[in-house]
């Protein structure tokens, strides 16, 4: 398993440039990093820096255009083409895709149908790029009120309906603890449809060990399942970021 700090939340200081955040993660021994939006970044410059550091860009977000609404599908696909081109610059293999917020007065089944059709239409765009789309359910209780997709069950159903190995679920352990709990059985049951993991503890979205999730057991199960991919560290540190990351690695990366 490869741990990948999400640079914008791990290193929130606006006094640090993005490149300085990359260097800070590298100095702590991380070989991968991830981030949220790409539109305000010079990805060619970042690509040069990651090459010099020997790091990998694990993931970032595609342009956040709603999938729930058929009228925005064209814009979503156009945005995805741009996002894939940027991912190729960084040799980044995963793009995070969000559904958008639930539409009032529209049946959930219709919105789900729109998501499935939008993701199916995405497959030709990513073919040959090396990019996999990862669809993320988010919690609607604490952080993302109004968001359409919150359960792992519905996310897995959507992925199965899309029917492509290049479209998977991003299973965020923090979000799913809030939404549904039952973490280990769900990870085991849905493992074949999961392409990526994120983590943080609950409550507070802080580092593991600060809340109620038994990360020793959860991470052990993920490893036992044979997972070799990225686990994004998408948490807000309660102490100085470097110290927080050192403690995380000491506890969970043995």
C-alpha atoms as a PDB file:
ATOM      1  CA  UNK A   1       0.000   0.000   0.000  1.00  0.00           C
ATOM      2  CA  UNK A   2       1.258   3.455  -0.873  1.00  0.00           C
ATOM      3  CA  UNK A   3       0.357   6.330   1.444  1.00  0.00           C
ATOM      4  CA  UNK A   4      -0.281   9.589  -0.365  1.00  0.00           C
ATOM      5  CA  UNK A   5      -0.605  12.881   1.557  1.00  0.00           C
ATOM      6  CA  UNK A   6      -3.320  15.183   0.258  1.00  0.00           C
ATOM      7  CA  UNK A   7      -1.167  18.286   0.194  1.00  0.00           C
ATOM      8  CA  UNK A   8      -3.781  21.020   0.503  1.00  0.00           C
ATOM      9  CA  UNK A   9      -5.363  19.660   3.681  1.00  0.00           C
ATOM     10  CA  UNK A  10      -2.220  18.218   5.275  1.00  0.00           C
ATOM     11  CA  UNK A  11      -0.229  21.407   4.668  1.00  0.00           C
ATOM     12  CA  UNK A  12      -2.864  24.175   4.912  1.00  0.00           C
ATOM     13  CA  UNK A  13      -0.388  27.054   5.255  1.00  0.00           C
ATOM     14  CA  UNK A  14      -0.808  29.606   2.477  1.00  0.00           C
ATOM     15  CA  UNK A  15       2.771  30.679   3.077  1.00  0.00           C
ATOM     16  CA  UNK A  16       4.001  27.442   1.506  1.00  0.00           C
ATOM     17  CA  UNK A  17       3.945  27.070  -2.262  1.00  0.00           C
ATOM     18  CA  UNK A  18       2.619  23.855  -3.759  1.00  0.00           C
ATOM     19  CA  UNK A  19       6.168  22.863  -4.639  1.00  0.00           C
ATOM     20  CA  UNK A  20       7.287  23.426  -1.065  1.00  0.00           C
ATOM     21  CA  UNK A  21       4.497  21.156   0.137  1.00  0.00           C
ATOM     22  CA  UNK A  22       5.670  18.468  -2.269  1.00  0.00           C
ATOM     23  CA  UNK A  23       9.220  18.824  -0.982  1.00  0.00           C
ATOM     24  CA  UNK A  24       8.024  18.609   2.625  1.00  0.00           C
ATOM     25  CA  UNK A  25       6.204  15.336   1.904  1.00  0.00           C
ATOM     26  CA  UNK A  26       9.224  13.977   0.067  1.00  0.00           C
ATOM     27  CA  UNK A  27      11.531  14.871   2.957  1.00  0.00           C
ATOM     28  CA  UNK A  28       9.352  12.708   5.211  1.00  0.00           C
ATOM     29  CA  UNK A  29       9.821   9.701   2.939  1.00  0.00           C
ATOM     30  CA  UNK A  30       6.607   9.823   0.899  1.00  0.00           C
ATOM     31  CA  UNK A  31       6.876   8.740  -2.724  1.00  0.00           C
ATOM     32  CA  UNK A  32       3.385   9.898  -3.719  1.00  0.00           C
ATOM     33  CA  UNK A  33       1.159  12.916  -3.201  1.00  0.00           C
ATOM     34  CA  UNK A  34      -2.303  14.062  -4.233  1.00  0.00           C
ATOM     35  CA  UNK A  35      -4.323  17.240  -4.423  1.00  0.00           C
ATOM     36  CA  UNK A  36      -7.795  18.556  -5.190  1.00  0.00           C
ATOM     37  CA  UNK A  37      -8.201  20.979  -8.099  1.00  0.00           C
ATOM     38  CA  UNK A  38      -5.785  21.402 -11.013  1.00  0.00           C
ATOM     39  CA  UNK A  39      -7.011  24.590 -12.664  1.00  0.00           C
ATOM     40  CA  UNK A  40      -4.940  27.015 -10.589  1.00  0.00           C
ATOM     41  CA  UNK A  41      -1.705  25.035 -10.874  1.00  0.00           C
ATOM     42  CA  UNK A  42       1.178  24.902 -13.351  1.00  0.00           C
ATOM     43  CA  UNK A  43       1.193  21.163 -13.929  1.00  0.00           C
ATOM     44  CA  UNK A  44       4.222  21.215 -16.226  1.00  0.00           C
ATOM     45  CA  UNK A  45       6.232  22.856 -13.461  1.00  0.00           C
ATOM     46  CA  UNK A  46       4.863  20.336 -10.961  1.00  0.00           C
ATOM     47  CA  UNK A  47       5.752  17.503 -13.348  1.00  0.00           C
ATOM     48  CA  UNK A  48       9.349  18.684 -13.497  1.00  0.00           C
ATOM     49  CA  UNK A  49       9.557  18.879  -9.716  1.00  0.00           C
ATOM     50  CA  UNK A  50       8.026  15.454  -9.158  1.00  0.00           C
ATOM     51  CA  UNK A  51      10.484  13.961 -11.625  1.00  0.00           C
ATOM     52  CA  UNK A  52      13.419  15.533  -9.791  1.00  0.00           C
ATOM     53  CA  UNK A  53      12.081  14.277  -6.461  1.00  0.00           C
ATOM     54  CA  UNK A  54      11.170  10.826  -7.734  1.00  0.00           C
ATOM     55  CA  UNK A  55       7.547  11.204  -6.648  1.00  0.00           C
ATOM     56  CA  UNK A  56       4.236  10.172  -8.228  1.00  0.00           C
ATOM     57  CA  UNK A  57       1.024  12.164  -8.507  1.00  0.00           C
ATOM     58  CA  UNK A  58      -1.499   9.665  -7.137  1.00  0.00           C
ATOM     59  CA  UNK A  59      -4.769  11.482  -7.879  1.00  0.00           C
ATOM     60  CA  UNK A  60      -6.555  14.781  -8.283  1.00  0.00           C
ATOM     61  CA  UNK A  61     -10.105  15.899  -9.046  1.00  0.00           C
ATOM     62  CA  UNK A  62     -11.633  16.177 -12.481  1.00  0.00           C
ATOM     63  CA  UNK A  63     -13.496  19.407 -13.210  1.00  0.00           C
ATOM     64  CA  UNK A  64     -16.471  19.371 -10.801  1.00  0.00           C
ATOM     65  CA  UNK A  65     -19.388  19.467 -13.224  1.00  0.00           C
ATOM     66  CA  UNK A  66     -22.545  17.619 -12.051  1.00  0.00           C
ATOM     67  CA  UNK A  67     -23.260  14.140 -13.369  1.00  0.00           C
ATOM     68  CA  UNK A  68     -26.791  14.059 -11.913  1.00  0.00           C
ATOM     69  CA  UNK A  69     -28.128  16.460 -14.546  1.00  0.00           C
ATOM     70  CA  UNK A  70     -28.258  15.278 -18.188  1.00  0.00           C
ATOM     71  CA  UNK A  71     -28.165  18.896 -19.357  1.00  0.00           C
ATOM     72  CA  UNK A  72     -24.621  19.310 -18.024  1.00  0.00           C
ATOM     73  CA  UNK A  73     -23.274  16.033 -19.446  1.00  0.00           C
ATOM     74  CA  UNK A  74     -21.674  17.709 -22.430  1.00  0.00           C
ATOM     75  CA  UNK A  75     -19.862  20.166 -20.179  1.00  0.00           C
ATOM     76  CA  UNK A  76     -18.791  17.309 -17.895  1.00  0.00           C
ATOM     77  CA  UNK A  77     -17.305  15.363 -20.802  1.00  0.00           C
ATOM     78  CA  UNK A  78     -15.534  18.436 -22.150  1.00  0.00           C
ATOM     79  CA  UNK A  79     -14.127  19.100 -18.695  1.00  0.00           C
ATOM     80  CA  UNK A  80     -13.070  15.482 -18.405  1.00  0.00           C
ATOM     81  CA  UNK A  81     -11.107  15.705 -21.658  1.00  0.00           C
ATOM     82  CA  UNK A  82      -9.205  18.658 -20.223  1.00  0.00           C
ATOM     83  CA  UNK A  83      -8.662  16.879 -16.896  1.00  0.00           C
ATOM     84  CA  UNK A  84      -7.347  13.737 -18.598  1.00  0.00           C
ATOM     85  CA  UNK A  85      -4.895  15.824 -20.625  1.00  0.00           C
ATOM     86  CA  UNK A  86      -3.625  17.374 -17.388  1.00  0.00           C
ATOM     87  CA  UNK A  87      -3.387  13.949 -15.728  1.00  0.00           C
ATOM     88  CA  UNK A  88      -1.238  12.712 -18.591  1.00  0.00           C
ATOM     89  CA  UNK A  89       1.179  15.607 -18.004  1.00  0.00           C
ATOM     90  CA  UNK A  90       1.728  14.303 -14.479  1.00  0.00           C
ATOM     91  CA  UNK A  91       1.511  10.604 -15.375  1.00  0.00           C
ATOM     92  CA  UNK A  92      -1.338  10.565 -12.833  1.00  0.00           C
ATOM     93  CA  UNK A  93      -3.382   7.365 -13.024  1.00  0.00           C
ATOM     94  CA  UNK A  94      -6.490   8.353 -11.045  1.00  0.00           C
ATOM     95  CA  UNK A  95      -9.018  11.148 -11.476  1.00  0.00           C
ATOM     96  CA  UNK A  96     -11.596  11.717  -8.734  1.00  0.00           C
ATOM     97  CA  UNK A  97     -15.142  12.206 -10.027  1.00  0.00           C
ATOM     98  CA  UNK A  98     -18.025  13.676  -8.025  1.00  0.00           C
ATOM     99  CA  UNK A  99     -21.742  13.383  -8.781  1.00  0.00           C
ATOM    100  CA  UNK A 100     -22.780  16.888  -7.784  1.00  0.00           C
ATOM    101  CA  UNK A 101     -25.644  17.768  -5.460  1.00  0.00           C
ATOM    102  CA  UNK A 102     -29.033  16.092  -5.551  1.00  0.00           C
ATOM    103  CA  UNK A 103     -31.552  17.838  -7.788  1.00  0.00           C
ATOM    104  CA  UNK A 104     -34.745  18.951  -6.074  1.00  0.00           C
ATOM    105  CA  UNK A 105     -37.944  17.567  -7.550  1.00  0.00           C
ATOM    106  CA  UNK A 106     -36.144  14.942  -9.656  1.00  0.00           C
ATOM    107  CA  UNK A 107     -36.436  11.261  -8.782  1.00  0.00           C
ATOM    108  CA  UNK A 108     -33.234   9.717  -7.490  1.00  0.00           C
ATOM    109  CA  UNK A 109     -33.578   6.945 -10.071  1.00  0.00           C
ATOM    110  CA  UNK A 110     -33.445   9.553 -12.856  1.00  0.00           C
ATOM    111  CA  UNK A 111     -30.368  11.152 -11.333  1.00  0.00           C
ATOM    112  CA  UNK A 112     -28.679   7.782 -10.936  1.00  0.00           C
ATOM    113  CA  UNK A 113     -29.448   7.008 -14.571  1.00  0.00           C
ATOM    114  CA  UNK A 114     -27.789  10.283 -15.581  1.00  0.00           C
ATOM    115  CA  UNK A 115     -24.679   9.439 -13.548  1.00  0.00           C
ATOM    116  CA  UNK A 116     -24.410   6.006 -15.157  1.00  0.00           C
ATOM    117  CA  UNK A 117     -24.846   7.379 -18.678  1.00  0.00           C
ATOM    118  CA  UNK A 118     -22.300  10.122 -18.013  1.00  0.00           C
ATOM    119  CA  UNK A 119     -19.711   7.662 -16.745  1.00  0.00           C
ATOM    120  CA  UNK A 120     -20.339   5.291 -19.651  1.00  0.00           C
ATOM    121  CA  UNK A 121     -19.774   8.196 -22.035  1.00  0.00           C
ATOM    122  CA  UNK A 122     -16.530   8.928 -20.190  1.00  0.00           C
ATOM    123  CA  UNK A 123     -14.954   5.574 -20.969  1.00  0.00           C
ATOM    124  CA  UNK A 124     -13.914   6.408 -24.578  1.00  0.00           C
ATOM    125  CA  UNK A 125     -12.270   9.602 -23.302  1.00  0.00           C
ATOM    126  CA  UNK A 126     -10.017   7.768 -20.852  1.00  0.00           C
ATOM    127  CA  UNK A 127      -9.216   4.796 -23.096  1.00  0.00           C
ATOM    128  CA  UNK A 128      -5.522   4.712 -23.894  1.00  0.00           C
ATOM    129  CA  UNK A 129      -4.684   7.425 -21.359  1.00  0.00           C
ATOM    130  CA  UNK A 130      -3.807   5.105 -18.473  1.00  0.00           C
ATOM    131  CA  UNK A 131      -6.303   7.014 -16.314  1.00  0.00           C
ATOM    132  CA  UNK A 132      -8.928   5.375 -14.108  1.00  0.00           C
ATOM    133  CA  UNK A 133     -11.934   7.363 -12.875  1.00  0.00           C
ATOM    134  CA  UNK A 134     -12.776   6.938  -9.195  1.00  0.00           C
ATOM    135  CA  UNK A 135     -16.285   7.922  -8.132  1.00  0.00           C
ATOM    136  CA  UNK A 136     -16.470   9.200  -4.559  1.00  0.00           C
ATOM    137  CA  UNK A 137     -19.415   8.934  -2.162  1.00  0.00           C
ATOM    138  CA  UNK A 138     -19.321  11.735   0.444  1.00  0.00           C
ATOM    139  CA  UNK A 139     -21.067  12.098   3.783  1.00  0.00           C
ATOM    140  CA  UNK A 140     -24.053  14.443   3.819  1.00  0.00           C
ATOM    141  CA  UNK A 141     -24.393  14.626   7.608  1.00  0.00           C
ATOM    142  CA  UNK A 142     -21.307  16.688   8.443  1.00  0.00           C
ATOM    143  CA  UNK A 143     -19.393  17.944   5.402  1.00  0.00           C
ATOM    144  CA  UNK A 144     -21.363  17.801   2.164  1.00  0.00           C
ATOM    145  CA  UNK A 145     -25.026  18.489   2.764  1.00  0.00           C
ATOM    146  CA  UNK A 146     -27.080  18.023  -0.394  1.00  0.00           C
ATOM    147  CA  UNK A 147     -24.539  15.850  -2.217  1.00  0.00           C
ATOM    148  CA  UNK A 148     -26.220  13.096  -4.231  1.00  0.00           C
ATOM    149  CA  UNK A 149     -24.066  10.030  -3.583  1.00  0.00           C
ATOM    150  CA  UNK A 150     -23.358   9.026   0.006  1.00  0.00           C
ATOM    151  CA  UNK A 151     -23.542   5.229   0.355  1.00  0.00           C
ATOM    152  CA  UNK A 152     -21.022   2.658  -0.770  1.00  0.00           C
ATOM    153  CA  UNK A 153     -23.866   0.362  -1.857  1.00  0.00           C
ATOM    154  CA  UNK A 154     -25.222   2.854  -4.397  1.00  0.00           C
ATOM    155  CA  UNK A 155     -21.723   3.733  -5.587  1.00  0.00           C
ATOM    156  CA  UNK A 156     -20.960   0.067  -6.234  1.00  0.00           C
ATOM    157  CA  UNK A 157     -24.278  -0.381  -8.045  1.00  0.00           C
ATOM    158  CA  UNK A 158     -23.432   2.554 -10.325  1.00  0.00           C
ATOM    159  CA  UNK A 159     -19.956   1.177 -11.061  1.00  0.00           C
ATOM    160  CA  UNK A 160     -21.365  -2.244 -11.922  1.00  0.00           C
ATOM    161  CA  UNK A 161     -23.877  -0.644 -14.277  1.00  0.00           C
ATOM    162  CA  UNK A 162     -21.133   1.355 -15.993  1.00  0.00           C
ATOM    163  CA  UNK A 163     -19.305  -1.931 -16.550  1.00  0.00           C
ATOM    164  CA  UNK A 164     -15.744  -0.720 -17.135  1.00  0.00           C
ATOM    165  CA  UNK A 165     -12.551  -1.664 -15.318  1.00  0.00           C
ATOM    166  CA  UNK A 166     -11.491   1.958 -15.838  1.00  0.00           C
ATOM    167  CA  UNK A 167     -14.245   3.286 -13.556  1.00  0.00           C
ATOM    168  CA  UNK A 168     -14.055   2.364  -9.862  1.00  0.00           C
ATOM    169  CA  UNK A 169     -15.169   3.531  -6.416  1.00  0.00           C
ATOM    170  CA  UNK A 170     -13.099   5.801  -4.229  1.00  0.00           C
ATOM    171  CA  UNK A 171     -13.860   4.426  -0.759  1.00  0.00           C
ATOM    172  CA  UNK A 172     -13.266   7.211   1.758  1.00  0.00           C
ATOM    173  CA  UNK A 173     -13.146   5.548   5.159  1.00  0.00           C
ATOM    174  CA  UNK A 174     -13.955   8.793   6.979  1.00  0.00           C
ATOM    175  CA  UNK A 175     -17.020   9.580   4.883  1.00  0.00           C
ATOM    176  CA  UNK A 176     -18.333   6.029   5.073  1.00  0.00           C
ATOM    177  CA  UNK A 177     -17.894   5.825   8.833  1.00  0.00           C
ATOM    178  CA  UNK A 178     -20.199   8.838   9.160  1.00  0.00           C
ATOM    179  CA  UNK A 179     -22.710   7.616   6.577  1.00  0.00           C
ATOM    180  CA  UNK A 180     -23.005   3.926   7.325  1.00  0.00           C
ATOM    181  CA  UNK A 181     -20.244   2.466   9.509  1.00  0.00           C
ATOM    182  CA  UNK A 182     -19.843  -1.293   8.897  1.00  0.00           C
ATOM    183  CA  UNK A 183     -16.442  -0.468   7.437  1.00  0.00           C
ATOM    184  CA  UNK A 184     -14.670  -3.816   7.355  1.00  0.00           C
ATOM    185  CA  UNK A 185     -17.592  -5.884   5.980  1.00  0.00           C
ATOM    186  CA  UNK A 186     -18.322  -3.271   3.308  1.00  0.00           C
ATOM    187  CA  UNK A 187     -14.683  -3.042   2.245  1.00  0.00           C
ATOM    188  CA  UNK A 188     -14.561  -6.844   2.017  1.00  0.00           C
ATOM    189  CA  UNK A 189     -17.868  -7.093   0.143  1.00  0.00           C
ATOM    190  CA  UNK A 190     -17.155  -4.288  -2.321  1.00  0.00           C
ATOM    191  CA  UNK A 191     -13.409  -4.718  -2.710  1.00  0.00           C
ATOM    192  CA  UNK A 192     -13.562  -5.705  -6.384  1.00  0.00           C
ATOM    193  CA  UNK A 193     -15.204  -2.364  -7.236  1.00  0.00           C
ATOM    194  CA  UNK A 194     -12.882  -0.225  -5.082  1.00  0.00           C
ATOM    195  CA  UNK A 195      -9.974   1.398  -6.885  1.00  0.00           C
ATOM    196  CA  UNK A 196      -8.673   3.808  -4.245  1.00  0.00           C
ATOM    197  CA  UNK A 197      -8.962   4.669  -0.547  1.00  0.00           C
ATOM    198  CA  UNK A 198      -8.952   7.887   1.482  1.00  0.00           C
ATOM    199  CA  UNK A 199      -8.680   8.114   5.236  1.00  0.00           C
ATOM    200  CA  UNK A 200      -9.216  10.437   8.185  1.00  0.00           C
ATOM    201  CA  UNK A 201     -10.650   9.838  11.642  1.00  0.00           C
ATOM    202  CA  UNK A 202     -14.071  10.810  12.960  1.00  0.00           C
ATOM    203  CA  UNK A 203     -15.104  13.121  14.528  1.00  0.00           C
ATOM    204  CA  UNK A 204     -13.083  16.079  13.276  1.00  0.00           C
ATOM    205  CA  UNK A 205     -11.521  14.672  10.095  1.00  0.00           C
ATOM    206  CA  UNK A 206      -8.168  14.530  11.877  1.00  0.00           C
ATOM    207  CA  UNK A 207      -5.378  11.965  11.817  1.00  0.00           C
ATOM    208  CA  UNK A 208      -6.040   8.316  12.705  1.00  0.00           C
ATOM    209  CA  UNK A 209      -5.934   7.776  16.440  1.00  0.00           C
ATOM    210  CA  UNK A 210      -7.843  10.938  17.286  1.00  0.00           C
ATOM    211  CA  UNK A 211     -11.319   9.474  16.884  1.00  0.00           C
ATOM    212  CA  UNK A 212     -13.467   6.360  16.811  1.00  0.00           C
ATOM    213  CA  UNK A 213     -12.136   4.405  13.821  1.00  0.00           C
ATOM    214  CA  UNK A 214      -9.866   1.443  14.584  1.00  0.00           C
ATOM    215  CA  UNK A 215      -7.379   2.059  11.816  1.00  0.00           C
ATOM    216  CA  UNK A 216      -5.065  -0.729  12.923  1.00  0.00           C
ATOM    217  CA  UNK A 217      -7.793  -3.246  12.092  1.00  0.00           C
ATOM    218  CA  UNK A 218      -9.196  -1.478   9.019  1.00  0.00           C
ATOM    219  CA  UNK A 219      -5.806  -1.062   7.336  1.00  0.00           C
ATOM    220  CA  UNK A 220      -4.841  -4.630   8.196  1.00  0.00           C
ATOM    221  CA  UNK A 221      -7.943  -5.914   6.388  1.00  0.00           C
ATOM    222  CA  UNK A 222      -7.212  -3.781   3.317  1.00  0.00           C
ATOM    223  CA  UNK A 223      -3.682  -5.179   3.234  1.00  0.00           C
ATOM    224  CA  UNK A 224      -4.951  -8.753   3.717  1.00  0.00           C
ATOM    225  CA  UNK A 225      -7.232  -8.295   0.717  1.00  0.00           C
ATOM    226  CA  UNK A 226      -4.091  -7.770  -1.357  1.00  0.00           C
ATOM    227  CA  UNK A 227      -4.454  -4.061  -1.986  1.00  0.00           C
ATOM    228  CA  UNK A 228      -1.239  -2.553  -3.389  1.00  0.00           C
ATOM    229  CA  UNK A 229      -2.543   0.848  -4.455  1.00  0.00           C
ATOM    230  CA  UNK A 230      -2.811   4.327  -2.990  1.00  0.00           C
ATOM    231  CA  UNK A 231      -4.346   5.332   0.309  1.00  0.00           C
ATOM    232  CA  UNK A 232      -4.803   9.087   0.423  1.00  0.00           C
ATOM    233  CA  UNK A 233      -4.123  10.802   3.734  1.00  0.00           C
ATOM    234  CA  UNK A 234      -6.893  13.378   3.517  1.00  0.00           C
ATOM    235  CA  UNK A 235      -6.994  14.657   7.072  1.00  0.00           C
ATOM    236  CA  UNK A 236      -6.514  17.950   8.920  1.00  0.00           C
ATOM    237  CA  UNK A 237      -3.598  17.532  11.348  1.00  0.00           C
ATOM    238  CA  UNK A 238      -4.117  18.471  14.971  1.00  0.00           C
ATOM    239  CA  UNK A 239      -0.418  19.327  15.293  1.00  0.00           C
ATOM    240  CA  UNK A 240       2.425  20.449  13.081  1.00  0.00           C
ATOM    241  CA  UNK A 241       1.972  18.577   9.764  1.00  0.00           C
ATOM    242  CA  UNK A 242       5.395  16.950   9.640  1.00  0.00           C
ATOM    243  CA  UNK A 243       5.063  15.614  13.185  1.00  0.00           C
ATOM    244  CA  UNK A 244       1.579  14.308  12.443  1.00  0.00           C
ATOM    245  CA  UNK A 245       2.773  12.485   9.326  1.00  0.00           C
ATOM    246  CA  UNK A 246       5.780  11.015  11.146  1.00  0.00           C
ATOM    247  CA  UNK A 247       3.520   9.617  13.854  1.00  0.00           C
ATOM    248  CA  UNK A 248       1.105   8.215  11.302  1.00  0.00           C
ATOM    249  CA  UNK A 249       3.868   6.381   9.473  1.00  0.00           C
ATOM    250  CA  UNK A 250       5.347   5.059  12.700  1.00  0.00           C
ATOM    251  CA  UNK A 251       1.990   3.618  13.726  1.00  0.00           C
ATOM    252  CA  UNK A 252       0.553   2.346  10.467  1.00  0.00           C
ATOM    253  CA  UNK A 253       3.301   1.895   7.866  1.00  0.00           C
ATOM    254  CA  UNK A 254       5.274  -0.902   9.498  1.00  0.00           C
END
